[in-house]
Amino acid sequence: MDVSQTGKVPLKEKMSLGVGSLASFFGYVAITSLAYPVYNMMLGVNVALVGMALMIPRIWDAFTDPVVGLISDNFHSKWGRRKPFIIIGAVGMGLVFGLIWMVPEGWGQTAKISYFIITQLIFFTFFTIFYVPYTALTYEMTPDYNERTRVMSYNAFFHKFGEFIYQWMI
């Protein structure tokens, strides 16, 4: 039976959606937790500049989040409104994440912090392309209020699981 007929979301879809919470959690937290050890301690960039560089993508998000939401709300394809954005965003995040830490040797502090800001802006643009439609999809999976609560519980479980294992990863 179809979700639209029963209002029930299959376990496989709940689990798949929940696992996406790990990507959203680690996508956001990994950069902020690795920035100071890598850019300040290893690359010698002033700690105030690293803090400023971490702030800039948050300001960028204030503009990109509503834009991506508007675009994905009005997008139509054979795969749905949200899934193409989720896939493009996830692949883009994966590709750009490694680049953030691959600072060319011999660069000065200004070049390093500029590189960090630019790669973060690209990464967090992909993060927005992934996260905004992903979040909207969780609310659209079923019209049934109680089932939507169950769907969100899978998201919450995997998000908390990410928080739990994160402590051993840093």
N, C-alpha and C. Protein backbone atom coordinates (compact mmCIF):
# COMPACT_ATOMS: atom_id res chain seq x y z
N MET A 1 0.82 -1.19 0.00
CA MET A 1 0.00 0.00 0.00
C MET A 1 0.87 1.25 0.00
N ASP A 2 0.36 2.28 -0.56
CA ASP A 2 1.03 3.57 -0.69
C ASP A 2 0.91 4.36 0.61
N VAL A 3 1.94 5.16 0.92
CA VAL A 3 1.93 6.01 2.11
C VAL A 3 0.72 6.95 2.08
N SER A 4 0.40 7.46 0.90
CA SER A 4 -0.72 8.40 0.79
C SER A 4 -2.06 7.75 1.14
N GLN A 5 -2.16 6.43 0.99
CA GLN A 5 -3.41 5.73 1.30
C GLN A 5 -3.51 5.37 2.78
N THR A 6 -2.41 4.89 3.35
CA THR A 6 -2.43 4.43 4.74
C THR A 6 -1.94 5.48 5.72
N GLY A 7 -1.08 6.38 5.27
CA GLY A 7 -0.47 7.35 6.17
C GLY A 7 0.74 6.78 6.90
N LYS A 8 1.03 5.49 6.72
CA LYS A 8 2.16 4.84 7.39
C LYS A 8 3.39 4.85 6.49
N VAL A 9 4.51 5.22 7.05
CA VAL A 9 5.77 5.25 6.32
C VAL A 9 6.50 3.94 6.63
N PRO A 10 6.96 3.21 5.60
CA PRO A 10 7.66 1.95 5.84
C PRO A 10 8.94 2.14 6.68
N LEU A 11 9.28 1.13 7.44
CA LEU A 11 10.46 1.18 8.31
C LEU A 11 11.73 1.52 7.52
N LYS A 12 11.89 0.94 6.34
CA LYS A 12 13.08 1.21 5.52
C LYS A 12 13.21 2.70 5.21
N GLU A 13 12.10 3.35 4.90
CA GLU A 13 12.15 4.79 4.60
C GLU A 13 12.42 5.61 5.85
N LYS A 14 11.88 5.19 6.98
CA LYS A 14 12.16 5.90 8.24
C LYS A 14 13.64 5.79 8.59
N MET A 15 14.19 4.59 8.42
CA MET A 15 15.61 4.38 8.72
C MET A 15 16.49 5.18 7.76
N SER A 16 16.16 5.16 6.48
CA SER A 16 16.94 5.91 5.49
C SER A 16 16.92 7.40 5.79
N LEU A 17 15.77 7.89 6.12
CA LEU A 17 15.64 9.30 6.46
C LEU A 17 16.43 9.61 7.74
N GLY A 18 16.34 8.73 8.71
CA GLY A 18 17.06 8.93 9.96
C GLY A 18 18.56 8.99 9.77
N VAL A 19 19.10 8.11 8.93
CA VAL A 19 20.54 8.09 8.67
C VAL A 19 21.00 9.42 8.07
N GLY A 20 20.12 10.07 7.33
CA GLY A 20 20.45 11.39 6.78
C GLY A 20 20.74 12.41 7.86
N SER A 21 20.20 12.19 9.05
CA SER A 21 20.49 13.10 10.17
C SER A 21 21.95 13.05 10.57
N LEU A 22 22.59 11.91 10.36
CA LEU A 22 24.03 11.84 10.64
C LEU A 22 24.79 12.79 9.72
N ALA A 23 24.42 12.81 8.44
CA ALA A 23 25.09 13.72 7.50
C ALA A 23 24.85 15.17 7.89
N SER A 24 23.64 15.49 8.29
CA SER A 24 23.36 16.88 8.66
C SER A 24 24.11 17.25 9.93
N PHE A 25 24.18 16.34 10.90
CA PHE A 25 24.90 16.63 12.14
C PHE A 25 26.40 16.79 11.89
N PHE A 26 27.00 15.77 11.25
CA PHE A 26 28.44 15.82 11.04
C PHE A 26 28.84 16.90 10.04
N GLY A 27 27.98 17.19 9.08
CA GLY A 27 28.28 18.26 8.12
C GLY A 27 28.47 19.59 8.80
N TYR A 28 27.67 19.84 9.80
CA TYR A 28 27.75 21.12 10.49
C TYR A 28 28.86 21.12 11.55
N VAL A 29 28.92 20.08 12.34
CA VAL A 29 29.81 20.05 13.49
C VAL A 29 31.27 19.80 13.11
N ALA A 30 31.52 19.02 12.08
CA ALA A 30 32.89 18.64 11.76
C ALA A 30 33.77 19.85 11.46
N ILE A 31 33.24 20.79 10.72
CA ILE A 31 34.06 21.95 10.36
C ILE A 31 34.36 22.80 11.58
N THR A 32 33.35 23.06 12.41
CA THR A 32 33.60 23.92 13.57
C THR A 32 34.53 23.26 14.57
N SER A 33 34.49 21.94 14.68
CA SER A 33 35.36 21.29 15.65
C SER A 33 36.79 21.08 15.13
N LEU A 34 36.96 21.01 13.82
CA LEU A 34 38.30 20.81 13.27
C LEU A 34 39.01 22.11 12.88
N ALA A 35 38.26 23.19 12.77
CA ALA A 35 38.84 24.45 12.28
C ALA A 35 39.97 24.96 13.17
N TYR A 36 39.74 24.99 14.46
CA TYR A 36 40.78 25.55 15.35
C TYR A 36 42.04 24.68 15.39
N PRO A 37 41.90 23.35 15.58
CA PRO A 37 43.13 22.56 15.57
C PRO A 37 43.90 22.63 14.25
N VAL A 38 43.20 22.62 13.13
CA VAL A 38 43.89 22.62 11.84
C VAL A 38 44.40 24.01 11.48
N TYR A 39 43.51 24.98 11.45
CA TYR A 39 43.92 26.31 10.97
C TYR A 39 44.72 27.10 11.99
N ASN A 40 44.41 26.98 13.26
CA ASN A 40 45.16 27.74 14.26
C ASN A 40 46.42 27.00 14.69
N MET A 41 46.26 25.78 15.17
CA MET A 41 47.41 25.07 15.74
C MET A 41 48.38 24.53 14.69
N MET A 42 47.85 23.99 13.60
CA MET A 42 48.74 23.39 12.60
C MET A 42 49.22 24.40 11.56
N LEU A 43 48.34 25.29 11.14
CA LEU A 43 48.70 26.21 10.07
C LEU A 43 49.09 27.60 10.57
N GLY A 44 48.92 27.85 11.86
CA GLY A 44 49.36 29.10 12.46
C GLY A 44 48.53 30.33 12.15
N VAL A 45 47.26 30.14 11.80
CA VAL A 45 46.38 31.28 11.52
C VAL A 45 45.88 31.84 12.85
N ASN A 46 45.82 33.14 12.96
CA ASN A 46 45.34 33.81 14.16
C ASN A 46 43.96 33.28 14.55
N VAL A 47 43.79 33.00 15.84
CA VAL A 47 42.55 32.41 16.32
C VAL A 47 41.34 33.32 16.09
N ALA A 48 41.52 34.61 16.17
CA ALA A 48 40.41 35.56 15.91
C ALA A 48 39.97 35.48 14.45
N LEU A 49 40.93 35.29 13.54
CA LEU A 49 40.58 35.16 12.13
C LEU A 49 39.83 33.86 11.86
N VAL A 50 40.22 32.80 12.55
CA VAL A 50 39.51 31.52 12.40
C VAL A 50 38.07 31.67 12.88
N GLY A 51 37.88 32.34 14.01
CA GLY A 51 36.53 32.59 14.52
C GLY A 51 35.70 33.41 13.56
N MET A 52 36.31 34.45 12.97
CA MET A 52 35.61 35.26 11.99
C MET A 52 35.26 34.44 10.76
N ALA A 53 36.18 33.61 10.34
CA ALA A 53 35.95 32.76 9.16
C ALA A 53 34.82 31.76 9.41
N LEU A 54 34.67 31.31 10.63
CA LEU A 54 33.57 30.40 10.96
C LEU A 54 32.23 31.12 11.01
N MET A 55 32.24 32.42 11.27
CA MET A 55 31.01 33.19 11.36
C MET A 55 30.44 33.50 9.97
N ILE A 56 31.27 33.72 9.01
CA ILE A 56 30.83 34.15 7.68
C ILE A 56 29.84 33.17 7.03
N PRO A 57 30.08 31.86 7.06
CA PRO A 57 29.08 30.96 6.47
C PRO A 57 27.72 30.98 7.18
N ARG A 58 27.70 31.31 8.46
CA ARG A 58 26.42 31.41 9.17
C ARG A 58 25.60 32.58 8.61
N ILE A 59 26.28 33.68 8.30
CA ILE A 59 25.61 34.83 7.69
C ILE A 59 25.15 34.45 6.28
N TRP A 60 26.00 33.75 5.54
CA TRP A 60 25.67 33.28 4.20
C TRP A 60 24.41 32.41 4.23
N ASP A 61 24.31 31.54 5.25
CA ASP A 61 23.13 30.67 5.39
C ASP A 61 21.84 31.45 5.55
N ALA A 62 21.91 32.60 6.17
CA ALA A 62 20.71 33.41 6.37
C ALA A 62 20.10 33.82 5.02
N PHE A 63 20.92 33.90 3.99
CA PHE A 63 20.42 34.25 2.65
C PHE A 63 20.13 33.02 1.80
N THR A 64 20.98 32.00 1.90
CA THR A 64 20.81 30.84 1.02
C THR A 64 19.69 29.90 1.46
N ASP A 65 19.45 29.77 2.76
CA ASP A 65 18.41 28.84 3.23
C ASP A 65 17.04 29.17 2.66
N PRO A 66 16.57 30.42 2.75
CA PRO A 66 15.24 30.72 2.18
C PRO A 66 15.20 30.57 0.66
N VAL A 67 16.30 30.88 -0.01
CA VAL A 67 16.34 30.75 -1.47
C VAL A 67 16.21 29.29 -1.88
N VAL A 68 16.98 28.42 -1.25
CA VAL A 68 16.91 26.99 -1.58
C VAL A 68 15.54 26.44 -1.20
N GLY A 69 14.97 26.89 -0.10
CA GLY A 69 13.63 26.45 0.28
C GLY A 69 12.60 26.84 -0.77
N LEU A 70 12.68 28.04 -1.25
CA LEU A 70 11.75 28.52 -2.27
C LEU A 70 11.92 27.73 -3.57
N ILE A 71 13.16 27.51 -3.96
CA ILE A 71 13.42 26.76 -5.19
C ILE A 71 12.92 25.33 -5.07
N SER A 72 13.25 24.65 -3.96
CA SER A 72 12.83 23.24 -3.82
C SER A 72 11.31 23.12 -3.64
N ASP A 73 10.68 24.11 -3.05
CA ASP A 73 9.21 24.08 -2.92
C ASP A 73 8.53 24.13 -4.28
N ASN A 74 9.13 24.80 -5.23
CA ASN A 74 8.51 25.00 -6.54
C ASN A 74 9.12 24.12 -7.63
N PHE A 75 10.01 23.22 -7.26
CA PHE A 75 10.69 22.35 -8.22
C PHE A 75 9.86 21.11 -8.49
N HIS A 76 9.85 20.67 -9.73
CA HIS A 76 9.12 19.45 -10.10
C HIS A 76 10.01 18.60 -11.00
N SER A 77 10.13 17.32 -10.66
CA SER A 77 10.87 16.38 -11.50
C SER A 77 10.26 14.99 -11.30
N LYS A 78 10.72 14.05 -12.09
CA LYS A 78 10.19 12.69 -11.95
C LYS A 78 10.66 12.04 -10.65
N TRP A 79 11.68 12.60 -9.99
CA TRP A 79 12.16 12.08 -8.72
C TRP A 79 11.57 12.83 -7.53
N GLY A 80 10.73 13.80 -7.79
CA GLY A 80 10.11 14.58 -6.73
C GLY A 80 10.73 15.96 -6.60
N ARG A 81 10.22 16.70 -5.62
CA ARG A 81 10.71 18.06 -5.42
C ARG A 81 12.01 18.09 -4.64
N ARG A 82 12.20 17.18 -3.72
CA ARG A 82 13.31 17.27 -2.76
C ARG A 82 14.51 16.40 -3.09
N LYS A 83 14.28 15.19 -3.58
CA LYS A 83 15.37 14.22 -3.73
C LYS A 83 16.53 14.68 -4.61
N PRO A 84 16.29 15.33 -5.75
CA PRO A 84 17.46 15.79 -6.54
C PRO A 84 18.35 16.75 -5.76
N PHE A 85 17.77 17.62 -4.97
CA PHE A 85 18.55 18.56 -4.17
C PHE A 85 19.34 17.83 -3.09
N ILE A 86 18.69 16.86 -2.46
CA ILE A 86 19.35 16.10 -1.40
C ILE A 86 20.58 15.37 -1.95
N ILE A 87 20.43 14.76 -3.11
CA ILE A 87 21.55 14.02 -3.72
C ILE A 87 22.66 14.97 -4.15
N ILE A 88 22.31 16.04 -4.84
CA ILE A 88 23.32 17.01 -5.28
C ILE A 88 24.05 17.62 -4.09
N GLY A 89 23.30 18.00 -3.06
CA GLY A 89 23.91 18.58 -1.87
C GLY A 89 24.83 17.62 -1.15
N ALA A 90 24.40 16.36 -1.01
CA ALA A 90 25.22 15.37 -0.30
C ALA A 90 26.52 15.08 -1.04
N VAL A 91 26.43 14.91 -2.35
CA VAL A 91 27.64 14.65 -3.14
C VAL A 91 28.57 15.86 -3.11
N GLY A 92 28.01 17.05 -3.26
CA GLY A 92 28.82 18.27 -3.21
C GLY A 92 29.51 18.44 -1.87
N MET A 93 28.77 18.19 -0.77
CA MET A 93 29.37 18.28 0.57
C MET A 93 30.55 17.32 0.69
N GLY A 94 30.35 16.10 0.22
CA GLY A 94 31.42 15.10 0.31
C GLY A 94 32.67 15.49 -0.45
N LEU A 95 32.48 16.07 -1.63
CA LEU A 95 33.62 16.47 -2.44
C LEU A 95 34.36 17.68 -1.87
N VAL A 96 33.62 18.64 -1.38
CA VAL A 96 34.23 19.89 -0.91
C VAL A 96 34.82 19.76 0.49
N PHE A 97 34.28 18.85 1.32
CA PHE A 97 34.76 18.74 2.69
C PHE A 97 36.27 18.52 2.74
N GLY A 98 36.78 17.62 1.93
CA GLY A 98 38.22 17.36 1.93
C GLY A 98 39.03 18.56 1.49
N LEU A 99 38.51 19.34 0.56
CA LEU A 99 39.23 20.51 0.06
C LEU A 99 39.45 21.57 1.15
N ILE A 100 38.54 21.64 2.09
CA ILE A 100 38.67 22.64 3.16
C ILE A 100 40.00 22.49 3.90
N TRP A 101 40.45 21.26 4.03
CA TRP A 101 41.66 20.99 4.82
C TRP A 101 42.92 20.86 3.97
N MET A 102 42.80 20.98 2.66
CA MET A 102 43.95 20.83 1.75
C MET A 102 44.52 22.19 1.36
N VAL A 103 45.00 22.89 2.34
CA VAL A 103 45.56 24.23 2.12
C VAL A 103 46.96 24.07 1.52
N PRO A 104 47.21 24.72 0.39
CA PRO A 104 48.54 24.62 -0.22
C PRO A 104 49.64 25.13 0.73
N GLU A 105 50.75 24.43 0.72
CA GLU A 105 51.88 24.80 1.57
C GLU A 105 52.48 26.13 1.10
N GLY A 106 53.04 26.85 2.05
CA GLY A 106 53.74 28.08 1.73
C GLY A 106 52.86 29.32 1.65
N TRP A 107 51.59 29.18 1.82
CA TRP A 107 50.69 30.34 1.78
C TRP A 107 50.79 31.13 3.07
N GLY A 108 50.60 32.43 2.98
CA GLY A 108 50.57 33.28 4.16
C GLY A 108 49.22 33.19 4.86
N GLN A 109 49.15 33.86 5.99
CA GLN A 109 47.94 33.81 6.82
C GLN A 109 46.71 34.33 6.07
N THR A 110 46.84 35.41 5.33
CA THR A 110 45.71 35.99 4.60
C THR A 110 45.21 35.02 3.53
N ALA A 111 46.10 34.39 2.81
CA ALA A 111 45.72 33.43 1.78
C ALA A 111 45.05 32.21 2.40
N LYS A 112 45.59 31.74 3.52
CA LYS A 112 45.01 30.57 4.19
C LYS A 112 43.59 30.85 4.67
N ILE A 113 43.38 32.00 5.31
CA ILE A 113 42.05 32.30 5.85
C ILE A 113 41.07 32.59 4.70
N SER A 114 41.55 33.19 3.62
CA SER A 114 40.70 33.41 2.45
C SER A 114 40.28 32.08 1.84
N TYR A 115 41.21 31.17 1.73
CA TYR A 115 40.93 29.83 1.22
C TYR A 115 39.89 29.14 2.10
N PHE A 116 40.07 29.25 3.41
CA PHE A 116 39.14 28.63 4.36
C PHE A 116 37.73 29.21 4.20
N ILE A 117 37.64 30.50 4.08
CA ILE A 117 36.33 31.15 3.93
C ILE A 117 35.67 30.71 2.62
N ILE A 118 36.41 30.72 1.53
CA ILE A 118 35.83 30.37 0.23
C ILE A 118 35.39 28.91 0.20
N THR A 119 36.22 28.01 0.69
CA THR A 119 35.83 26.59 0.67
C THR A 119 34.65 26.33 1.61
N GLN A 120 34.60 27.03 2.73
CA GLN A 120 33.44 26.89 3.61
C GLN A 120 32.17 27.39 2.94
N LEU A 121 32.25 28.52 2.25
CA LEU A 121 31.07 29.05 1.56
C LEU A 121 30.55 28.06 0.53
N ILE A 122 31.45 27.42 -0.18
CA ILE A 122 31.04 26.39 -1.15
C ILE A 122 30.43 25.20 -0.42
N PHE A 123 31.12 24.74 0.64
CA PHE A 123 30.62 23.59 1.41
C PHE A 123 29.24 23.87 1.98
N PHE A 124 29.08 25.02 2.63
CA PHE A 124 27.80 25.31 3.28
C PHE A 124 26.70 25.65 2.27
N THR A 125 27.06 26.03 1.07
CA THR A 125 26.05 26.15 0.01
C THR A 125 25.51 24.76 -0.32
N PHE A 126 26.42 23.80 -0.48
CA PHE A 126 25.97 22.41 -0.71
C PHE A 126 25.22 21.87 0.51
N PHE A 127 25.67 22.25 1.70
CA PHE A 127 24.97 21.81 2.92
C PHE A 127 23.53 22.32 2.90
N THR A 128 23.33 23.57 2.51
CA THR A 128 21.99 24.13 2.42
C THR A 128 21.17 23.41 1.35
N ILE A 129 21.80 23.12 0.21
CA ILE A 129 21.11 22.40 -0.86
C ILE A 129 20.68 21.02 -0.37
N PHE A 130 21.46 20.41 0.50
CA PHE A 130 21.09 19.12 1.10
C PHE A 130 20.06 19.29 2.22
N TYR A 131 20.38 20.14 3.17
CA TYR A 131 19.65 20.16 4.44
C TYR A 131 18.24 20.75 4.36
N VAL A 132 18.05 21.83 3.65
CA VAL A 132 16.73 22.46 3.59
C VAL A 132 15.70 21.52 2.96
N PRO A 133 15.97 20.93 1.78
CA PRO A 133 14.99 19.99 1.23
C PRO A 133 14.86 18.71 2.08
N TYR A 134 15.96 18.27 2.67
CA TYR A 134 15.92 17.09 3.53
C TYR A 134 14.97 17.32 4.71
N THR A 135 15.09 18.46 5.34
CA THR A 135 14.22 18.78 6.47
C THR A 135 12.76 18.89 6.02
N ALA A 136 12.54 19.53 4.88
CA ALA A 136 11.18 19.66 4.36
C ALA A 136 10.60 18.29 4.04
N LEU A 137 11.42 17.39 3.51
CA LEU A 137 10.95 16.05 3.17
C LEU A 137 10.47 15.29 4.40
N THR A 138 11.14 15.49 5.53
CA THR A 138 10.73 14.78 6.75
C THR A 138 9.32 15.15 7.16
N TYR A 139 8.93 16.38 6.92
CA TYR A 139 7.59 16.83 7.30
C TYR A 139 6.54 16.44 6.26
N GLU A 140 6.99 16.15 5.05
CA GLU A 140 6.06 15.84 3.96
C GLU A 140 5.85 14.35 3.73
N MET A 141 6.51 13.51 4.50
CA MET A 141 6.45 12.08 4.24
C MET A 141 5.06 11.48 4.48
N THR A 142 4.30 12.06 5.36
CA THR A 142 2.97 11.54 5.65
C THR A 142 2.06 12.67 6.11
N PRO A 143 0.79 12.56 5.77
CA PRO A 143 -0.15 13.57 6.27
C PRO A 143 -0.62 13.28 7.70
N ASP A 144 -0.35 12.08 8.19
CA ASP A 144 -0.79 11.67 9.52
C ASP A 144 0.10 12.26 10.61
N TYR A 145 -0.47 12.99 11.52
CA TYR A 145 0.27 13.67 12.59
C TYR A 145 1.09 12.68 13.43
N ASN A 146 0.47 11.60 13.87
CA ASN A 146 1.16 10.64 14.73
C ASN A 146 2.29 9.93 13.99
N GLU A 147 2.08 9.60 12.72
CA GLU A 147 3.13 8.95 11.94
C GLU A 147 4.28 9.93 11.68
N ARG A 148 3.97 11.19 11.48
CA ARG A 148 5.01 12.20 11.30
C ARG A 148 5.86 12.30 12.55
N THR A 149 5.25 12.19 13.71
CA THR A 149 5.99 12.19 14.97
C THR A 149 6.92 10.98 15.04
N ARG A 150 6.44 9.81 14.59
CA ARG A 150 7.30 8.62 14.57
C ARG A 150 8.46 8.79 13.59
N VAL A 151 8.18 9.39 12.43
CA VAL A 151 9.24 9.64 11.45
C VAL A 151 10.31 10.56 12.07
N MET A 152 9.87 11.60 12.73
CA MET A 152 10.81 12.54 13.35
C MET A 152 11.59 11.88 14.49
N SER A 153 11.03 10.87 15.12
CA SER A 153 11.76 10.17 16.19
C SER A 153 12.97 9.44 15.63
N TYR A 154 12.87 8.93 14.40
CA TYR A 154 14.03 8.31 13.76
C TYR A 154 15.10 9.35 13.49
N ASN A 155 14.69 10.51 13.03
CA ASN A 155 15.64 11.61 12.83
C ASN A 155 16.34 11.95 14.15
N ALA A 156 15.55 12.11 15.19
CA ALA A 156 16.10 12.49 16.49
C ALA A 156 17.05 11.41 17.01
N PHE A 157 16.68 10.14 16.85
CA PHE A 157 17.54 9.05 17.32
C PHE A 157 18.91 9.11 16.64
N PHE A 158 18.92 9.19 15.31
CA PHE A 158 20.20 9.20 14.59
C PHE A 158 20.99 10.48 14.86
N HIS A 159 20.32 11.58 15.04
CA HIS A 159 21.02 12.82 15.39
C HIS A 159 21.70 12.67 16.75
N LYS A 160 20.98 12.13 17.72
CA LYS A 160 21.57 11.92 19.05
C LYS A 160 22.67 10.87 19.00
N PHE A 161 22.50 9.85 18.17
CA PHE A 161 23.55 8.85 17.99
C PHE A 161 24.81 9.51 17.45
N GLY A 162 24.65 10.43 16.50
CA GLY A 162 25.79 11.18 15.98
C GLY A 162 26.47 11.99 17.06
N GLU A 163 25.68 12.64 17.91
CA GLU A 163 26.25 13.40 19.03
C GLU A 163 27.02 12.48 19.97
N PHE A 164 26.49 11.30 20.20
CA PHE A 164 27.12 10.33 21.10
C PHE A 164 28.46 9.85 20.56
N ILE A 165 28.49 9.42 19.30
CA ILE A 165 29.76 8.89 18.75
C ILE A 165 30.75 10.00 18.41
N TYR A 166 30.27 11.21 18.26
CA TYR A 166 31.14 12.34 17.96
C TYR A 166 32.19 12.53 19.05
N GLN A 167 31.81 12.29 20.28
CA GLN A 167 32.73 12.47 21.40
C GLN A 167 33.97 11.60 21.29
N TRP A 168 33.86 10.45 20.64
CA TRP A 168 35.01 9.57 20.46
C TRP A 168 35.77 9.86 19.18
N MET A 169 35.20 10.74 18.35
CA MET A 169 35.84 11.01 17.07
C MET A 169 36.75 12.24 17.14
N ILE A 170 36.55 13.12 18.13
CA ILE A 170 37.36 14.33 18.17
C ILE A 170 38.65 14.12 18.95
